[in-house]
Amino acid sequence: MQLLMRLDADIMRAMHGTEITPAEAMRCQAERDCGGGVQLAVAPGNSWETEVCRHMIDTGKPAEGCAQCKGNAAECRHPGRLPMRAHTKRCKPGVCRQFEPLRISIVLPARDEGDEVAATIASVRAGGVDQVLVVDDASRDGSCLGLDLSGGTVLVRNTMARTPSYCRNTGAGLSTGDILIFADAHIRVEPDALRALAVLAHRRQAIVCASVTPLGGERDWVYYGGRLRPVKGNPDAGYEVSYNQEQPAERGAPIGALIGACYAMPMTVYDRIGGWPRTISWGYNEQALSMAAWFCGVPMLSDKAVVSAHRFKKRFNYPVRASNSHINRFLVHRILFSAHTWAWHWLPRFQKAFPPATVERAEEWLSQPWVQEEHDRFQARKVRTDDEFFAHAVSTGGAAADRRKDGQ
């Protein structure tokens, strides 16, 4: 059996401590694991094919210590989750060192995006993903009709307009990848950039946010993640994201909030958070996921080396009601914070910050049974308290607590 595996320079440096060629890295790894018994063949496009290890390291006989192989190396098919080499920690010396690829899926919610959808699909395919999931949120402009669905591209169409969080969770549920990337349907990336972003997310078991720059060159700046801060001029209205303009010293620098929209996370991290917090419309989604990640102890990092060119729009292609975005704030804080914090901290502030009509509509939504169900599920996932959130996630931009958690 032959398996396809991609290598990048960062992986090779981590393994060997120096800059070497992919062929040298493969040969070194093969000889260390199999005594040189693995045959190597160069495949086009900087990819590599190799025979499955036959367990001939020391004795020249099939190993018997692997419960999954049961001595039959040729039939060993361990489910790997490492970019390079699968299950080495689970197996004893002398057993399978099977190479497997890191599969990457990207989810693209789209609504009335015009020609942007097709252009974004072409760009992210070249970016190094294995599966593209386009979730058409009931577009009316035909932008998702006639898309090229080859090369692992999947199209899902909502019969009625939902929300970005709904579309992203729908796409994640159909993913076959080990790493999930969520992006807007109006971005461009450099070739192989998304694979580099995914590998960093896998290594750090974190949500890694690509750097963002305007698509089209109308403005000349790059942002490197963000931090949460109270809304300027209305601090009782929850949080907004302040963008970081200073370039970090290295890849994987801690940030306090995500900026949209191109970020990668392992599927295990997505499951740990429980997916995107449920909302009823556009608005407050990055804040919601950032707070959920912080409560669940998931690091948020910036990757200065991967830049997503993003189409910043002066206005939306579809109607957006500001009051619905405000209601999202009610729902997100009710779900993520404890019942006590909600009743004594957030609810009085929101009642003061927003118009009475918005508060009345929000209370109707809050009375629905699913809100309490979502709240109970998320409270069971939290590993940090509300008091810790107020002390660290906002006042220090979110970075201090993550830095301590990661030992950085």
Protein backbone atom coordinates (compact mmCIF):
# COMPACT_ATOMS: atom_id res chain seq x y z
CA MET A 1 0.00 0.00 0.00
CA GLN A 2 1.25 3.48 -0.78
CA LEU A 3 0.34 6.56 1.24
CA LEU A 4 0.80 10.19 0.25
CA MET A 5 2.45 12.56 2.70
CA ARG A 6 3.34 16.24 2.41
CA LEU A 7 6.28 17.82 4.17
CA ASP A 8 6.99 21.44 4.97
CA ALA A 9 10.17 23.24 6.01
CA ASP A 10 8.96 23.82 9.58
CA ILE A 11 8.37 20.11 10.15
CA MET A 12 11.81 19.26 8.79
CA ARG A 13 13.49 21.88 10.96
CA ALA A 14 11.65 20.58 14.03
CA MET A 15 12.77 17.00 13.29
CA HIS A 16 16.36 17.64 12.30
CA GLY A 17 17.28 21.01 13.77
CA THR A 18 18.53 22.26 10.42
CA GLU A 19 17.37 23.05 6.91
CA ILE A 20 17.43 19.89 4.78
CA THR A 21 15.71 18.71 1.65
CA PRO A 22 12.43 16.74 1.74
CA ALA A 23 14.23 13.70 0.31
CA GLU A 24 16.82 13.79 3.09
CA ALA A 25 14.11 14.15 5.73
CA MET A 26 12.14 11.20 4.36
CA ARG A 27 15.21 9.00 4.10
CA CYS A 28 16.39 9.87 7.61
CA GLN A 29 12.97 9.18 9.09
CA ALA A 30 12.58 5.94 7.14
CA GLU A 31 15.97 4.63 8.19
CA ARG A 32 15.35 5.50 11.83
CA ASP A 33 11.99 3.76 11.90
CA CYS A 34 12.57 0.82 9.60
CA GLY A 35 16.31 0.28 9.38
CA GLY A 36 16.24 1.53 5.82
CA GLY A 37 13.60 -1.01 4.82
CA VAL A 38 11.13 1.53 3.44
CA GLN A 39 11.38 2.24 -0.27
CA LEU A 40 11.11 5.89 -1.22
CA ALA A 41 9.78 7.33 -4.45
CA VAL A 42 9.56 11.01 -5.33
CA ALA A 43 6.09 12.05 -6.47
CA PRO A 44 5.31 15.26 -8.42
CA GLY A 45 4.47 18.43 -6.58
CA ASN A 46 6.73 18.02 -3.53
CA SER A 47 4.72 15.04 -2.31
CA TRP A 48 6.06 11.65 -1.37
CA GLU A 49 4.99 8.03 -1.56
CA THR A 50 6.27 5.27 0.68
CA GLU A 51 5.53 1.63 1.43
CA VAL A 52 3.99 0.83 4.82
CA CYS A 53 6.63 -0.24 7.35
CA ARG A 54 7.04 -4.02 7.62
CA HIS A 55 8.33 -3.99 11.23
CA MET A 56 11.86 -5.04 10.32
CA ILE A 57 13.78 -2.80 12.69
CA ASP A 58 15.80 -5.12 14.91
CA THR A 59 14.84 -8.75 14.47
CA GLY A 60 13.74 -8.69 10.86
CA LYS A 61 10.44 -10.26 11.96
CA PRO A 62 6.96 -8.74 12.25
CA ALA A 63 6.45 -7.22 15.70
CA GLU A 64 3.81 -8.74 17.95
CA GLY A 65 3.45 -5.92 20.46
CA CYS A 66 0.87 -3.90 18.55
CA ALA A 67 -2.71 -4.73 19.49
CA GLN A 68 -4.01 -3.29 16.23
CA CYS A 69 -1.54 -5.06 13.92
CA LYS A 70 -1.48 -8.35 15.86
CA GLY A 71 1.81 -9.12 14.13
CA ASN A 72 0.40 -8.59 10.64
CA ALA A 73 2.22 -5.44 9.59
CA ALA A 74 0.89 -5.48 6.06
CA GLU A 75 -2.66 -5.08 7.38
CA CYS A 76 -1.92 -2.37 9.95
CA ARG A 77 -4.09 0.66 9.30
CA HIS A 78 -3.84 2.87 12.37
CA PRO A 79 -5.91 6.10 12.23
CA GLY A 80 -3.18 8.75 12.28
CA ARG A 81 -3.59 12.38 13.32
CA LEU A 82 -0.03 13.68 12.98
CA PRO A 83 1.29 15.59 9.99
CA MET A 84 4.28 13.26 9.70
CA ARG A 85 4.04 9.99 11.51
CA ALA A 86 1.04 8.30 13.13
CA HIS A 87 0.57 6.76 16.58
CA THR A 88 4.23 6.56 17.66
CA LYS A 89 3.32 7.22 21.27
CA ARG A 90 0.78 4.40 21.42
CA CYS A 91 3.02 1.69 19.95
CA LYS A 92 6.09 0.08 21.44
CA PRO A 93 9.46 0.11 19.64
CA GLY A 94 9.46 -2.23 16.71
CA VAL A 95 5.85 -1.73 15.70
CA CYS A 96 4.17 0.24 12.96
CA ARG A 97 5.47 3.64 11.89
CA GLN A 98 2.86 4.28 9.24
CA PHE A 99 2.95 7.57 7.36
CA GLU A 100 -0.40 9.25 6.87
CA PRO A 101 -1.43 12.64 5.52
CA LEU A 102 -2.95 15.46 7.55
CA ARG A 103 -6.37 16.09 6.00
CA ILE A 104 -7.62 19.67 5.95
CA SER A 105 -11.19 20.87 5.34
CA ILE A 106 -12.26 24.47 4.83
CA VAL A 107 -15.80 25.77 5.42
CA LEU A 108 -16.99 28.76 3.35
CA PRO A 109 -20.40 30.25 4.24
CA ALA A 110 -21.70 32.21 1.27
CA ARG A 111 -24.67 34.47 0.64
CA ASP A 112 -25.03 36.60 -2.51
CA GLU A 113 -21.26 36.75 -3.04
CA GLY A 114 -21.31 37.06 -6.83
CA ASP A 115 -18.08 35.99 -8.54
CA GLU A 116 -16.23 35.91 -5.22
CA VAL A 117 -17.26 32.33 -4.38
CA ALA A 118 -15.61 30.72 -7.40
CA ALA A 119 -12.49 32.86 -7.03
CA THR A 120 -12.21 31.99 -3.34
CA ILE A 121 -12.61 28.26 -4.04
CA ALA A 122 -9.80 28.36 -6.59
CA SER A 123 -7.56 30.22 -4.16
CA VAL A 124 -8.11 27.96 -1.14
CA ARG A 125 -7.63 24.82 -3.24
CA ALA A 126 -4.18 26.11 -4.15
CA GLY A 127 -3.74 26.98 -0.47
CA GLY A 128 -3.38 23.29 0.34
CA VAL A 129 -6.76 22.03 1.56
CA ASP A 130 -8.18 18.57 0.81
CA GLN A 131 -11.89 19.40 1.07
CA VAL A 132 -13.83 22.61 0.37
CA LEU A 133 -17.29 22.86 1.93
CA VAL A 134 -19.39 25.71 0.52
CA VAL A 135 -22.52 26.35 2.57
CA ASP A 136 -24.86 28.47 0.43
CA ASP A 137 -27.04 30.44 2.83
CA ALA A 138 -30.02 30.68 0.43
CA SER A 139 -28.28 33.02 -2.02
CA ARG A 140 -30.58 34.89 -4.39
CA ASP A 141 -27.99 35.93 -6.98
CA GLY A 142 -27.15 32.46 -8.31
CA SER A 143 -23.55 32.82 -7.16
CA CYS A 144 -23.36 29.21 -5.98
CA LEU A 145 -24.87 27.75 -9.16
CA GLY A 146 -22.51 26.20 -11.65
CA LEU A 147 -19.56 26.01 -9.25
CA ASP A 148 -16.74 23.62 -10.06
CA LEU A 149 -17.38 20.80 -7.57
CA SER A 150 -14.37 18.73 -8.51
CA GLY A 151 -11.35 18.17 -6.31
CA GLY A 152 -13.16 17.48 -3.04
CA THR A 153 -15.54 20.45 -3.21
CA VAL A 154 -18.96 19.98 -1.58
CA LEU A 155 -21.93 22.35 -1.93
CA VAL A 156 -24.66 22.51 0.72
CA ARG A 157 -27.64 24.81 0.19
CA ASN A 158 -29.89 26.16 2.93
CA THR A 159 -33.49 26.45 1.76
CA MET A 160 -33.87 29.59 3.88
CA ALA A 161 -31.33 32.10 5.15
CA ARG A 162 -29.76 31.02 8.43
CA THR A 163 -26.73 32.53 10.15
CA PRO A 164 -22.94 32.39 9.79
CA SER A 165 -22.67 30.24 12.91
CA TYR A 166 -25.29 27.82 11.56
CA CYS A 167 -23.47 27.56 8.21
CA ARG A 168 -20.10 27.01 9.85
CA ASN A 169 -21.41 24.31 12.17
CA THR A 170 -23.21 22.65 9.25
CA GLY A 171 -19.99 22.56 7.24
CA ALA A 172 -18.02 21.23 10.20
CA GLY A 173 -20.53 18.41 10.59
CA LEU A 174 -19.84 17.30 7.00
CA SER A 175 -16.08 17.65 7.22
CA THR A 176 -13.72 14.71 6.66
CA GLY A 177 -10.66 16.65 7.80
CA ASP A 178 -8.43 16.44 10.85
CA ILE A 179 -8.09 20.23 10.74
CA LEU A 180 -10.94 22.68 10.13
CA ILE A 181 -10.43 26.08 8.55
CA PHE A 182 -13.24 28.62 8.64
CA ALA A 183 -13.07 31.49 6.17
CA ASP A 184 -15.24 34.03 4.42
CA ALA A 185 -16.15 33.41 0.78
CA HIS A 186 -14.28 36.55 -0.32
CA ILE A 187 -10.62 35.91 0.53
CA ARG A 188 -7.40 35.04 -1.32
CA VAL A 189 -4.37 33.19 0.04
CA GLU A 190 -0.96 32.24 -1.27
CA PRO A 191 -0.30 28.66 -2.49
CA ASP A 192 0.17 26.18 0.38
CA ALA A 193 -0.52 28.92 2.96
CA LEU A 194 -3.54 27.16 4.47
CA ARG A 195 -1.62 23.94 4.94
CA ALA A 196 1.03 25.85 6.89
CA LEU A 197 -1.74 27.45 9.00
CA ALA A 198 -3.29 24.03 9.68
CA VAL A 199 0.02 22.41 10.66
CA LEU A 200 0.65 25.15 13.23
CA ALA A 201 -2.87 24.72 14.63
CA HIS A 202 -2.28 20.98 14.91
CA ARG A 203 1.06 21.32 16.65
CA ARG A 204 -0.19 23.85 19.19
CA GLN A 205 -3.72 22.38 19.55
CA ALA A 206 -5.01 25.91 19.18
CA ILE A 207 -7.11 28.19 17.03
CA VAL A 208 -4.66 29.93 14.72
CA CYS A 209 -5.78 33.15 13.05
CA ALA A 210 -4.26 34.17 9.73
CA SER A 211 -3.06 37.73 9.38
CA VAL A 212 -5.49 39.94 7.46
CA THR A 213 -4.91 42.55 4.77
CA PRO A 214 -7.40 44.24 2.39
CA LEU A 215 -8.01 42.49 -0.92
CA GLY A 216 -7.45 44.81 -3.84
CA GLY A 217 -4.84 47.02 -2.22
CA GLU A 218 -7.25 49.86 -1.40
CA ARG A 219 -5.57 50.13 2.00
CA ASP A 220 -2.04 49.22 3.01
CA TRP A 221 -2.06 47.49 6.38
CA VAL A 222 -1.92 44.03 8.00
CA TYR A 223 -3.64 43.01 11.23
CA TYR A 224 -2.39 40.18 13.45
CA GLY A 225 -5.37 38.95 15.43
CA GLY A 226 -7.01 41.12 18.05
CA ARG A 227 -8.17 41.52 21.62
CA LEU A 228 -11.48 42.00 23.34
CA ARG A 229 -12.35 45.38 24.78
CA PRO A 230 -15.59 47.04 25.98
CA VAL A 231 -17.52 48.75 23.20
CA LYS A 232 -16.27 52.32 22.80
CA GLY A 233 -18.90 54.84 23.88
CA ASN A 234 -21.21 52.13 25.22
CA PRO A 235 -19.23 49.81 27.54
CA ASP A 236 -22.42 48.17 28.84
CA ALA A 237 -23.07 46.71 25.34
CA GLY A 238 -20.53 43.89 25.59
CA TYR A 239 -17.29 43.64 23.64
CA GLU A 240 -15.75 44.61 20.36
CA VAL A 241 -12.52 43.39 18.80
CA SER A 242 -9.57 45.75 18.65
CA TYR A 243 -7.16 44.72 15.86
CA ASN A 244 -3.46 44.21 16.58
CA GLN A 245 -1.36 46.26 14.15
CA GLU A 246 2.08 45.45 15.58
CA GLN A 247 3.68 42.44 13.91
CA PRO A 248 4.53 39.72 16.45
CA ALA A 249 8.10 38.51 16.76
CA GLU A 250 7.27 34.93 15.82
CA ARG A 251 4.59 32.67 14.43
CA GLY A 252 2.06 31.49 16.99
CA ALA A 253 2.00 34.60 19.18
CA PRO A 254 -0.92 34.61 21.67
CA ILE A 255 -3.90 36.87 20.92
CA GLY A 256 -7.06 37.68 22.86
CA ALA A 257 -9.61 37.53 20.04
CA LEU A 258 -10.09 36.27 16.51
CA ILE A 259 -10.50 38.56 13.53
CA GLY A 260 -12.29 37.49 10.40
CA ALA A 261 -12.18 35.54 8.76
CA CYS A 262 -9.61 32.82 8.21
CA TYR A 263 -8.67 30.62 11.14
CA ALA A 264 -7.70 26.97 11.60
CA MET A 265 -8.35 24.57 14.45
CA PRO A 266 -8.02 20.81 14.94
CA MET A 267 -11.32 18.95 14.94
CA THR A 268 -10.53 17.96 18.52
CA VAL A 269 -10.44 21.66 19.48
CA TYR A 270 -13.71 22.32 17.64
CA ASP A 271 -15.34 19.48 19.61
CA ARG A 272 -13.79 20.74 22.85
CA ILE A 273 -15.45 24.14 22.39
CA GLY A 274 -18.69 22.63 21.11
CA GLY A 275 -18.64 24.48 17.81
CA TRP A 276 -19.74 28.03 17.11
CA PRO A 277 -22.11 29.48 19.74
CA ARG A 278 -25.59 29.72 18.30
CA THR A 279 -26.81 33.11 17.07
CA ILE A 280 -29.79 34.36 15.07
CA SER A 281 -28.05 36.55 12.47
CA TRP A 282 -24.83 38.12 11.30
CA GLY A 283 -22.86 39.91 14.01
CA TYR A 284 -20.91 39.13 17.20
CA ASN A 285 -19.73 35.74 15.90
CA GLU A 286 -15.97 36.29 16.29
CA GLN A 287 -16.50 37.67 19.79
CA ALA A 288 -18.62 34.62 20.65
CA LEU A 289 -16.05 32.08 19.44
CA SER A 290 -13.19 33.99 21.07
CA MET A 291 -14.93 34.01 24.46
CA ALA A 292 -15.92 30.34 24.11
CA ALA A 293 -12.33 29.36 23.32
CA TRP A 294 -11.02 31.31 26.31
CA PHE A 295 -13.50 29.69 28.69
CA CYS A 296 -12.55 26.23 27.38
CA GLY A 297 -8.83 26.85 27.82
CA VAL A 298 -8.09 26.81 24.09
CA PRO A 299 -5.17 29.06 23.05
CA MET A 300 -5.77 31.61 20.30
CA LEU A 301 -2.70 32.41 18.24
CA SER A 302 -1.70 34.67 15.35
CA ASP A 303 0.29 33.42 12.37
CA LYS A 304 2.23 36.33 10.93
CA ALA A 305 3.52 34.16 8.06
CA VAL A 306 0.08 33.38 6.60
CA VAL A 307 -1.79 36.38 5.23
CA SER A 308 -5.41 36.29 4.11
CA ALA A 309 -6.41 39.03 1.67
CA HIS A 310 -9.97 39.89 2.65
CA ARG A 311 -12.61 41.78 0.68
CA PHE A 312 -13.82 44.47 3.09
CA LYS A 313 -17.27 45.59 1.98
CA LYS A 314 -18.75 49.02 2.47
CA ARG A 315 -22.16 47.42 2.75
CA PHE A 316 -23.64 43.94 2.78
CA ASN A 317 -25.11 42.17 -0.22
CA TYR A 318 -28.23 41.39 1.82
CA PRO A 319 -30.31 43.11 4.52
CA VAL A 320 -28.72 43.21 7.96
CA ARG A 321 -30.64 44.46 10.99
CA ALA A 322 -28.52 46.00 13.73
CA SER A 323 -31.11 44.92 16.31
CA ASN A 324 -30.49 41.26 15.41
CA SER A 325 -26.78 41.71 16.04
CA HIS A 326 -27.67 43.20 19.42
CA ILE A 327 -29.87 40.21 20.23
CA ASN A 328 -26.89 37.98 19.45
CA ARG A 329 -25.11 39.65 22.36
CA PHE A 330 -27.93 38.70 24.72
CA LEU A 331 -27.88 35.09 23.52
CA VAL A 332 -24.08 34.68 23.54
CA HIS A 333 -23.63 36.06 27.06
CA ARG A 334 -26.58 34.07 28.39
CA ILE A 335 -25.05 30.85 26.98
CA LEU A 336 -21.40 31.43 27.89
CA PHE A 337 -21.67 32.94 31.37
CA SER A 338 -23.13 31.45 34.52
CA ALA A 339 -26.76 32.10 35.42
CA HIS A 340 -25.60 34.30 38.31
CA THR A 341 -23.28 36.41 36.15
CA TRP A 342 -26.01 36.77 33.56
CA ALA A 343 -28.68 37.88 36.01
CA TRP A 344 -26.55 40.23 38.09
CA HIS A 345 -24.01 41.54 35.61
CA TRP A 346 -24.98 41.31 31.95
CA LEU A 347 -28.77 41.56 31.90
CA PRO A 348 -28.94 44.89 33.79
CA ARG A 349 -26.22 46.34 31.58
CA PHE A 350 -27.86 45.21 28.36
CA GLN A 351 -31.21 46.58 29.49
CA LYS A 352 -29.49 49.94 29.89
CA ALA A 353 -27.39 49.74 26.70
CA PHE A 354 -30.05 48.83 24.13
CA PRO A 355 -33.46 50.28 23.14
CA PRO A 356 -36.55 48.87 24.91
CA ALA A 357 -37.83 47.29 21.67
CA THR A 358 -34.55 45.36 21.25
CA VAL A 359 -34.63 44.25 24.88
CA GLU A 360 -38.20 43.02 24.47
CA ARG A 361 -37.33 41.01 21.36
CA ALA A 362 -34.23 39.61 23.04
CA GLU A 363 -36.26 38.43 26.03
CA GLU A 364 -38.56 36.55 23.65
CA TRP A 365 -35.57 34.74 22.18
CA LEU A 366 -34.09 34.07 25.63
CA SER A 367 -37.31 32.33 26.70
CA GLN A 368 -36.89 29.61 24.05
CA PRO A 369 -35.90 26.18 25.46
CA TRP A 370 -32.83 25.79 23.23
CA VAL A 371 -31.12 28.73 24.93
CA GLN A 372 -31.14 26.99 28.32
CA GLU A 373 -30.02 23.76 26.66
CA GLU A 374 -27.08 25.50 24.97
CA HIS A 375 -26.22 27.19 28.27
CA ASP A 376 -26.16 23.90 30.19
CA ARG A 377 -24.02 22.19 27.57
CA PHE A 378 -21.46 24.97 27.50
CA GLN A 379 -21.23 25.32 31.29
CA ALA A 380 -20.21 21.66 31.41
CA ARG A 381 -17.33 22.42 29.00
CA LYS A 382 -15.87 25.43 30.80
CA VAL A 383 -12.50 25.11 32.52
CA ARG A 384 -12.18 28.80 33.42
CA THR A 385 -14.50 30.84 35.60
CA ASP A 386 -16.37 34.07 34.92
CA ASP A 387 -14.19 35.86 37.49
CA GLU A 388 -11.07 34.74 35.61
CA PHE A 389 -12.57 36.06 32.40
CA PHE A 390 -13.18 39.53 33.82
CA ALA A 391 -9.72 39.58 35.42
CA HIS A 392 -7.69 38.43 32.42
CA ALA A 393 -9.49 38.01 29.09
CA VAL A 394 -10.46 41.65 28.69
CA SER A 395 -8.30 43.77 30.99
CA THR A 396 -5.06 42.32 29.54
CA GLY A 397 -6.31 41.74 26.01
CA GLY A 398 -6.64 38.03 26.66
CA ALA A 399 -2.98 37.28 26.06
CA ALA A 400 -1.69 37.01 29.62
CA ALA A 401 -3.84 34.07 30.66
CA ASP A 402 -3.16 32.21 27.41
CA ARG A 403 0.54 32.82 27.83
CA ARG A 404 0.52 31.27 31.29
CA LYS A 405 -1.62 28.37 30.09
CA ASP A 406 0.82 27.61 27.23
CA GLY A 407 3.91 28.13 29.33
CA GLN A 408 5.09 30.88 26.99
